[in-house]
Amino acid sequence: MQCTIGGHGMKIAIRILVVQLGIALFSAALWSFFEGGRAGFAALVGGGISLVLTGYTAIRTFAVPAADAQRAVTNFYRAQVRKMFLAGALFAVAARFLSDVYVPVIVTFALTLTVFMLALLWETSDG
């Protein structure tokens, strides 16, 4: 897969997003099977929140080429702060509409976060 935005960092972000999507879909299937369709949908929402936050941070961090290290760090920290506010808003909406099945939202979101730990083990040469 060729990615022109942000080079290597964006390639890793896309790989993280793909794995997070797989986890979200698998989790949603399990929740649907064992707890019903509404729980499956809630799991998709939790996974979707994770995907939105990861995608937003990747775009804000890597879409603008940083001419120097200071600008790169500034882009990263700004993206992280904005991501926290976005996370709060998305979880608030999910809590408002899915309060009866909020556990799948949180569990699936947490499962998708494990991808960041796995990403540390990936070879840097294969993106």
N, C-alpha and C. Protein backbone atom coordinates (compact mmCIF):
# COMPACT_ATOMS: atom_id res chain seq x y z
N MET A 1 0.85 -1.17 0.00
CA MET A 1 0.00 0.00 0.00
C MET A 1 0.89 1.23 0.00
N GLN A 2 0.67 2.13 -0.93
CA GLN A 2 1.45 3.35 -1.04
C GLN A 2 0.72 4.49 -0.37
N CYS A 3 1.40 5.21 0.47
CA CYS A 3 0.80 6.33 1.19
C CYS A 3 1.69 7.54 1.01
N THR A 4 1.15 8.60 0.43
CA THR A 4 1.97 9.77 0.19
C THR A 4 1.90 10.78 1.32
N ILE A 5 0.93 10.66 2.19
CA ILE A 5 0.79 11.62 3.28
C ILE A 5 1.60 11.13 4.48
N GLY A 6 2.61 11.89 4.85
CA GLY A 6 3.32 11.61 6.08
C GLY A 6 4.29 10.44 6.05
N GLY A 7 4.46 9.78 4.92
CA GLY A 7 5.45 8.74 4.79
C GLY A 7 5.26 7.56 5.73
N HIS A 8 6.35 7.18 6.37
CA HIS A 8 6.39 5.98 7.20
C HIS A 8 5.42 6.05 8.38
N GLY A 9 5.33 7.20 9.03
CA GLY A 9 4.42 7.34 10.17
C GLY A 9 2.98 7.08 9.79
N MET A 10 2.58 7.56 8.63
CA MET A 10 1.20 7.35 8.20
C MET A 10 0.97 5.90 7.81
N LYS A 11 1.98 5.23 7.27
CA LYS A 11 1.84 3.81 6.95
C LYS A 11 1.57 2.99 8.21
N ILE A 12 2.29 3.31 9.27
CA ILE A 12 2.07 2.61 10.53
C ILE A 12 0.68 2.92 11.07
N ALA A 13 0.26 4.17 10.97
CA ALA A 13 -1.08 4.56 11.44
C ALA A 13 -2.16 3.80 10.67
N ILE A 14 -1.99 3.65 9.38
CA ILE A 14 -2.98 2.92 8.58
C ILE A 14 -3.00 1.45 9.00
N ARG A 15 -1.85 0.90 9.25
CA ARG A 15 -1.79 -0.50 9.71
C ARG A 15 -2.50 -0.65 11.06
N ILE A 16 -2.28 0.29 11.95
CA ILE A 16 -2.97 0.27 13.25
C ILE A 16 -4.47 0.34 13.05
N LEU A 17 -4.92 1.23 12.17
CA LEU A 17 -6.35 1.37 11.90
C LEU A 17 -6.96 0.08 11.36
N VAL A 18 -6.25 -0.59 10.47
CA VAL A 18 -6.76 -1.84 9.90
C VAL A 18 -6.90 -2.92 10.97
N VAL A 19 -5.91 -3.03 11.84
CA VAL A 19 -5.98 -4.03 12.90
C VAL A 19 -7.08 -3.67 13.90
N GLN A 20 -7.20 -2.37 14.23
CA GLN A 20 -8.28 -1.94 15.12
C GLN A 20 -9.65 -2.26 14.51
N LEU A 21 -9.80 -2.06 13.23
CA LEU A 21 -11.06 -2.38 12.56
C LEU A 21 -11.37 -3.86 12.69
N GLY A 22 -10.37 -4.71 12.48
CA GLY A 22 -10.57 -6.15 12.62
C GLY A 22 -11.00 -6.53 14.03
N ILE A 23 -10.37 -5.95 15.02
CA ILE A 23 -10.74 -6.22 16.41
C ILE A 23 -12.16 -5.76 16.68
N ALA A 24 -12.50 -4.57 16.20
CA ALA A 24 -13.85 -4.03 16.42
C ALA A 24 -14.91 -4.92 15.78
N LEU A 25 -14.67 -5.37 14.57
CA LEU A 25 -15.65 -6.23 13.89
C LEU A 25 -15.79 -7.58 14.58
N PHE A 26 -14.66 -8.15 14.99
CA PHE A 26 -14.69 -9.44 15.70
C PHE A 26 -15.42 -9.30 17.03
N SER A 27 -15.10 -8.25 17.76
CA SER A 27 -15.75 -8.01 19.05
C SER A 27 -17.26 -7.81 18.86
N ALA A 28 -17.63 -7.04 17.85
CA ALA A 28 -19.06 -6.80 17.59
C ALA A 28 -19.78 -8.10 17.26
N ALA A 29 -19.12 -8.96 16.50
CA ALA A 29 -19.73 -10.25 16.16
C ALA A 29 -19.94 -11.09 17.42
N LEU A 30 -18.94 -11.12 18.30
CA LEU A 30 -19.08 -11.87 19.55
C LEU A 30 -20.18 -11.30 20.44
N TRP A 31 -20.21 -9.99 20.60
CA TRP A 31 -21.25 -9.36 21.43
C TRP A 31 -22.63 -9.63 20.84
N SER A 32 -22.74 -9.55 19.52
CA SER A 32 -24.03 -9.82 18.88
C SER A 32 -24.48 -11.25 19.12
N PHE A 33 -23.55 -12.18 18.99
CA PHE A 33 -23.88 -13.58 19.15
C PHE A 33 -24.31 -13.90 20.58
N PHE A 34 -23.57 -13.38 21.55
CA PHE A 34 -23.84 -13.73 22.95
C PHE A 34 -24.84 -12.83 23.65
N GLU A 35 -24.93 -11.57 23.25
CA GLU A 35 -25.79 -10.62 23.98
C GLU A 35 -26.84 -9.93 23.12
N GLY A 36 -26.82 -10.16 21.81
CA GLY A 36 -27.83 -9.56 20.95
C GLY A 36 -27.30 -8.41 20.09
N GLY A 37 -28.13 -8.03 19.16
CA GLY A 37 -27.76 -7.03 18.16
C GLY A 37 -27.41 -5.67 18.72
N ARG A 38 -28.15 -5.24 19.74
CA ARG A 38 -27.87 -3.92 20.31
C ARG A 38 -26.49 -3.89 20.98
N ALA A 39 -26.11 -4.97 21.64
CA ALA A 39 -24.78 -5.06 22.23
C ALA A 39 -23.71 -5.09 21.14
N GLY A 40 -24.00 -5.77 20.05
CA GLY A 40 -23.07 -5.79 18.92
C GLY A 40 -22.89 -4.41 18.32
N PHE A 41 -24.00 -3.69 18.20
CA PHE A 41 -23.92 -2.32 17.70
C PHE A 41 -23.11 -1.44 18.64
N ALA A 42 -23.32 -1.61 19.94
CA ALA A 42 -22.57 -0.84 20.93
C ALA A 42 -21.07 -1.13 20.82
N ALA A 43 -20.73 -2.39 20.57
CA ALA A 43 -19.32 -2.75 20.39
C ALA A 43 -18.76 -2.06 19.15
N LEU A 44 -19.56 -2.01 18.09
CA LEU A 44 -19.11 -1.29 16.89
C LEU A 44 -18.88 0.18 17.18
N VAL A 45 -19.73 0.75 18.00
CA VAL A 45 -19.56 2.16 18.38
C VAL A 45 -18.24 2.34 19.14
N GLY A 46 -17.97 1.45 20.09
CA GLY A 46 -16.71 1.53 20.83
C GLY A 46 -15.50 1.41 19.93
N GLY A 47 -15.56 0.47 19.00
CA GLY A 47 -14.47 0.33 18.03
C GLY A 47 -14.39 1.53 17.11
N GLY A 48 -15.56 2.05 16.74
CA GLY A 48 -15.59 3.23 15.88
C GLY A 48 -14.98 4.45 16.55
N ILE A 49 -15.23 4.60 17.83
CA ILE A 49 -14.62 5.71 18.57
C ILE A 49 -13.10 5.60 18.50
N SER A 50 -12.61 4.40 18.71
CA SER A 50 -11.16 4.19 18.65
C SER A 50 -10.61 4.51 17.26
N LEU A 51 -11.31 4.07 16.22
CA LEU A 51 -10.87 4.34 14.86
C LEU A 51 -10.87 5.83 14.56
N VAL A 52 -11.91 6.52 14.98
CA VAL A 52 -11.99 7.97 14.75
C VAL A 52 -10.83 8.68 15.45
N LEU A 53 -10.58 8.31 16.70
CA LEU A 53 -9.51 8.97 17.46
C LEU A 53 -8.14 8.69 16.87
N THR A 54 -7.90 7.45 16.48
CA THR A 54 -6.61 7.10 15.87
C THR A 54 -6.44 7.81 14.53
N GLY A 55 -7.49 7.76 13.70
CA GLY A 55 -7.43 8.42 12.40
C GLY A 55 -7.22 9.92 12.51
N TYR A 56 -7.97 10.54 13.41
CA TYR A 56 -7.84 11.99 13.62
C TYR A 56 -6.41 12.34 14.03
N THR A 57 -5.88 11.61 15.00
CA THR A 57 -4.54 11.90 15.48
C THR A 57 -3.50 11.69 14.38
N ALA A 58 -3.65 10.63 13.61
CA ALA A 58 -2.70 10.36 12.53
C ALA A 58 -2.73 11.48 11.48
N ILE A 59 -3.91 11.88 11.10
CA ILE A 59 -4.02 12.93 10.08
C ILE A 59 -3.44 14.24 10.60
N ARG A 60 -3.81 14.61 11.82
CA ARG A 60 -3.32 15.88 12.38
C ARG A 60 -1.81 15.85 12.64
N THR A 61 -1.28 14.67 12.91
CA THR A 61 0.15 14.58 13.21
C THR A 61 0.98 14.45 11.94
N PHE A 62 0.54 13.64 10.98
CA PHE A 62 1.38 13.33 9.83
C PHE A 62 0.99 14.01 8.53
N ALA A 63 -0.18 14.61 8.42
CA ALA A 63 -0.61 15.19 7.15
C ALA A 63 0.19 16.43 6.79
N VAL A 64 0.61 17.18 7.78
CA VAL A 64 1.41 18.37 7.53
C VAL A 64 2.87 18.03 7.79
N PRO A 65 3.68 18.07 6.73
CA PRO A 65 5.09 17.74 6.95
C PRO A 65 5.73 18.76 7.90
N ALA A 66 6.38 18.26 8.90
CA ALA A 66 7.04 19.12 9.86
C ALA A 66 8.45 19.44 9.36
N ALA A 67 8.73 20.71 9.22
CA ALA A 67 10.04 21.14 8.72
C ALA A 67 11.14 20.89 9.74
N ASP A 68 10.78 20.88 11.00
CA ASP A 68 11.78 20.66 12.04
C ASP A 68 11.17 19.85 13.18
N ALA A 69 12.02 19.42 14.07
CA ALA A 69 11.57 18.58 15.18
C ALA A 69 10.59 19.31 16.09
N GLN A 70 10.83 20.60 16.32
CA GLN A 70 9.94 21.38 17.18
C GLN A 70 8.52 21.40 16.62
N ARG A 71 8.39 21.59 15.33
CA ARG A 71 7.06 21.63 14.72
C ARG A 71 6.39 20.25 14.77
N ALA A 72 7.16 19.20 14.58
CA ALA A 72 6.61 17.84 14.65
C ALA A 72 6.06 17.56 16.04
N VAL A 73 6.81 17.92 17.06
CA VAL A 73 6.37 17.70 18.43
C VAL A 73 5.13 18.54 18.73
N THR A 74 5.13 19.78 18.27
CA THR A 74 3.96 20.65 18.46
C THR A 74 2.73 20.07 17.80
N ASN A 75 2.86 19.59 16.56
CA ASN A 75 1.73 18.95 15.86
C ASN A 75 1.21 17.76 16.65
N PHE A 76 2.12 16.95 17.16
CA PHE A 76 1.74 15.76 17.92
C PHE A 76 0.98 16.14 19.19
N TYR A 77 1.50 17.07 19.97
CA TYR A 77 0.83 17.44 21.22
C TYR A 77 -0.52 18.11 20.99
N ARG A 78 -0.60 18.95 19.99
CA ARG A 78 -1.89 19.56 19.67
C ARG A 78 -2.92 18.50 19.29
N ALA A 79 -2.48 17.54 18.50
CA ALA A 79 -3.39 16.46 18.09
C ALA A 79 -3.84 15.65 19.30
N GLN A 80 -2.95 15.41 20.23
CA GLN A 80 -3.30 14.63 21.43
C GLN A 80 -4.31 15.37 22.30
N VAL A 81 -4.12 16.67 22.48
CA VAL A 81 -5.05 17.45 23.30
C VAL A 81 -6.43 17.47 22.65
N ARG A 82 -6.46 17.72 21.36
CA ARG A 82 -7.75 17.74 20.65
C ARG A 82 -8.41 16.36 20.69
N LYS A 83 -7.60 15.32 20.62
CA LYS A 83 -8.13 13.96 20.68
C LYS A 83 -8.83 13.70 22.01
N MET A 84 -8.29 14.23 23.08
CA MET A 84 -8.91 14.04 24.40
C MET A 84 -10.30 14.68 24.45
N PHE A 85 -10.43 15.87 23.92
CA PHE A 85 -11.74 16.53 23.87
C PHE A 85 -12.70 15.77 22.97
N LEU A 86 -12.21 15.32 21.82
CA LEU A 86 -13.03 14.54 20.90
C LEU A 86 -13.48 13.24 21.56
N ALA A 87 -12.59 12.58 22.28
CA ALA A 87 -12.94 11.34 22.98
C ALA A 87 -14.04 11.59 23.99
N GLY A 88 -13.92 12.65 24.76
CA GLY A 88 -14.95 12.99 25.73
C GLY A 88 -16.30 13.20 25.09
N ALA A 89 -16.31 13.90 23.97
CA ALA A 89 -17.57 14.16 23.27
C ALA A 89 -18.17 12.87 22.71
N LEU A 90 -17.35 12.03 22.10
CA LEU A 90 -17.85 10.79 21.51
C LEU A 90 -18.36 9.82 22.57
N PHE A 91 -17.65 9.71 23.68
CA PHE A 91 -18.11 8.84 24.76
C PHE A 91 -19.38 9.38 25.41
N ALA A 92 -19.51 10.69 25.48
CA ALA A 92 -20.73 11.28 26.04
C ALA A 92 -21.94 10.97 25.16
N VAL A 93 -21.76 11.06 23.86
CA VAL A 93 -22.85 10.72 22.93
C VAL A 93 -23.19 9.24 23.05
N ALA A 94 -22.16 8.40 23.11
CA ALA A 94 -22.41 6.96 23.25
C ALA A 94 -23.13 6.66 24.55
N ALA A 95 -22.74 7.31 25.63
CA ALA A 95 -23.40 7.09 26.93
C ALA A 95 -24.85 7.54 26.87
N ARG A 96 -25.11 8.61 26.17
CA ARG A 96 -26.47 9.14 26.06
C ARG A 96 -27.40 8.16 25.36
N PHE A 97 -26.93 7.57 24.26
CA PHE A 97 -27.79 6.73 23.44
C PHE A 97 -27.65 5.23 23.68
N LEU A 98 -26.59 4.82 24.36
CA LEU A 98 -26.34 3.39 24.57
C LEU A 98 -26.11 3.07 26.04
N SER A 99 -26.74 3.81 26.93
CA SER A 99 -26.49 3.62 28.36
C SER A 99 -26.87 2.21 28.83
N ASP A 100 -27.83 1.59 28.18
CA ASP A 100 -28.24 0.25 28.59
C ASP A 100 -27.26 -0.84 28.15
N VAL A 101 -26.42 -0.53 27.18
CA VAL A 101 -25.41 -1.50 26.69
C VAL A 101 -24.04 -0.81 26.58
N TYR A 102 -23.65 -0.11 27.62
CA TYR A 102 -22.41 0.66 27.57
C TYR A 102 -21.16 -0.21 27.77
N VAL A 103 -21.30 -1.36 28.40
CA VAL A 103 -20.14 -2.23 28.62
C VAL A 103 -19.47 -2.64 27.30
N PRO A 104 -20.22 -3.05 26.27
CA PRO A 104 -19.56 -3.40 25.01
C PRO A 104 -18.80 -2.22 24.38
N VAL A 105 -19.30 -1.00 24.60
CA VAL A 105 -18.60 0.18 24.09
C VAL A 105 -17.21 0.25 24.71
N ILE A 106 -17.16 0.17 26.03
CA ILE A 106 -15.89 0.30 26.75
C ILE A 106 -14.97 -0.88 26.50
N VAL A 107 -15.51 -2.09 26.52
CA VAL A 107 -14.68 -3.29 26.32
C VAL A 107 -14.05 -3.28 24.94
N THR A 108 -14.84 -2.99 23.92
CA THR A 108 -14.29 -3.00 22.56
C THR A 108 -13.29 -1.87 22.37
N PHE A 109 -13.57 -0.71 22.92
CA PHE A 109 -12.61 0.40 22.85
C PHE A 109 -11.29 -0.03 23.49
N ALA A 110 -11.36 -0.64 24.66
CA ALA A 110 -10.15 -1.08 25.35
C ALA A 110 -9.40 -2.14 24.54
N LEU A 111 -10.14 -3.06 23.93
CA LEU A 111 -9.49 -4.08 23.10
C LEU A 111 -8.74 -3.46 21.93
N THR A 112 -9.32 -2.44 21.32
CA THR A 112 -8.65 -1.81 20.17
C THR A 112 -7.39 -1.08 20.60
N LEU A 113 -7.33 -0.66 21.85
CA LEU A 113 -6.13 0.04 22.32
C LEU A 113 -4.93 -0.89 22.44
N THR A 114 -5.17 -2.19 22.53
CA THR A 114 -4.05 -3.14 22.62
C THR A 114 -3.19 -3.12 21.37
N VAL A 115 -3.75 -2.63 20.28
CA VAL A 115 -3.01 -2.57 19.02
C VAL A 115 -1.75 -1.70 19.18
N PHE A 116 -1.85 -0.66 19.99
CA PHE A 116 -0.69 0.21 20.17
C PHE A 116 0.46 -0.53 20.84
N MET A 117 0.15 -1.46 21.74
CA MET A 117 1.20 -2.26 22.36
C MET A 117 1.79 -3.24 21.35
N LEU A 118 0.92 -3.81 20.52
CA LEU A 118 1.39 -4.74 19.48
C LEU A 118 2.24 -4.02 18.44
N ALA A 119 1.90 -2.78 18.14
CA ALA A 119 2.63 -2.02 17.13
C ALA A 119 4.09 -1.84 17.51
N LEU A 120 4.38 -1.82 18.79
CA LEU A 120 5.77 -1.69 19.23
C LEU A 120 6.60 -2.90 18.83
N LEU A 121 5.93 -4.04 18.60
CA LEU A 121 6.64 -5.26 18.23
C LEU A 121 6.83 -5.41 16.71
N TRP A 122 6.14 -4.59 15.94
CA TRP A 122 6.22 -4.70 14.49
C TRP A 122 7.61 -4.26 14.01
N GLU A 123 8.03 -4.93 12.96
CA GLU A 123 9.29 -4.55 12.33
C GLU A 123 9.15 -3.16 11.74
N THR A 124 10.13 -2.32 11.94
CA THR A 124 10.06 -0.97 11.40
C THR A 124 10.24 -0.94 9.88
N SER A 125 10.87 -1.94 9.33
CA SER A 125 11.10 -1.96 7.89
C SER A 125 9.85 -2.31 7.09
N ASP A 126 8.86 -2.97 7.71
CA ASP A 126 7.66 -3.36 6.96
C ASP A 126 6.48 -2.45 7.21
N GLY A 127 6.66 -1.35 7.94
CA GLY A 127 5.60 -0.36 8.15
C GLY A 127 4.51 -0.86 8.95
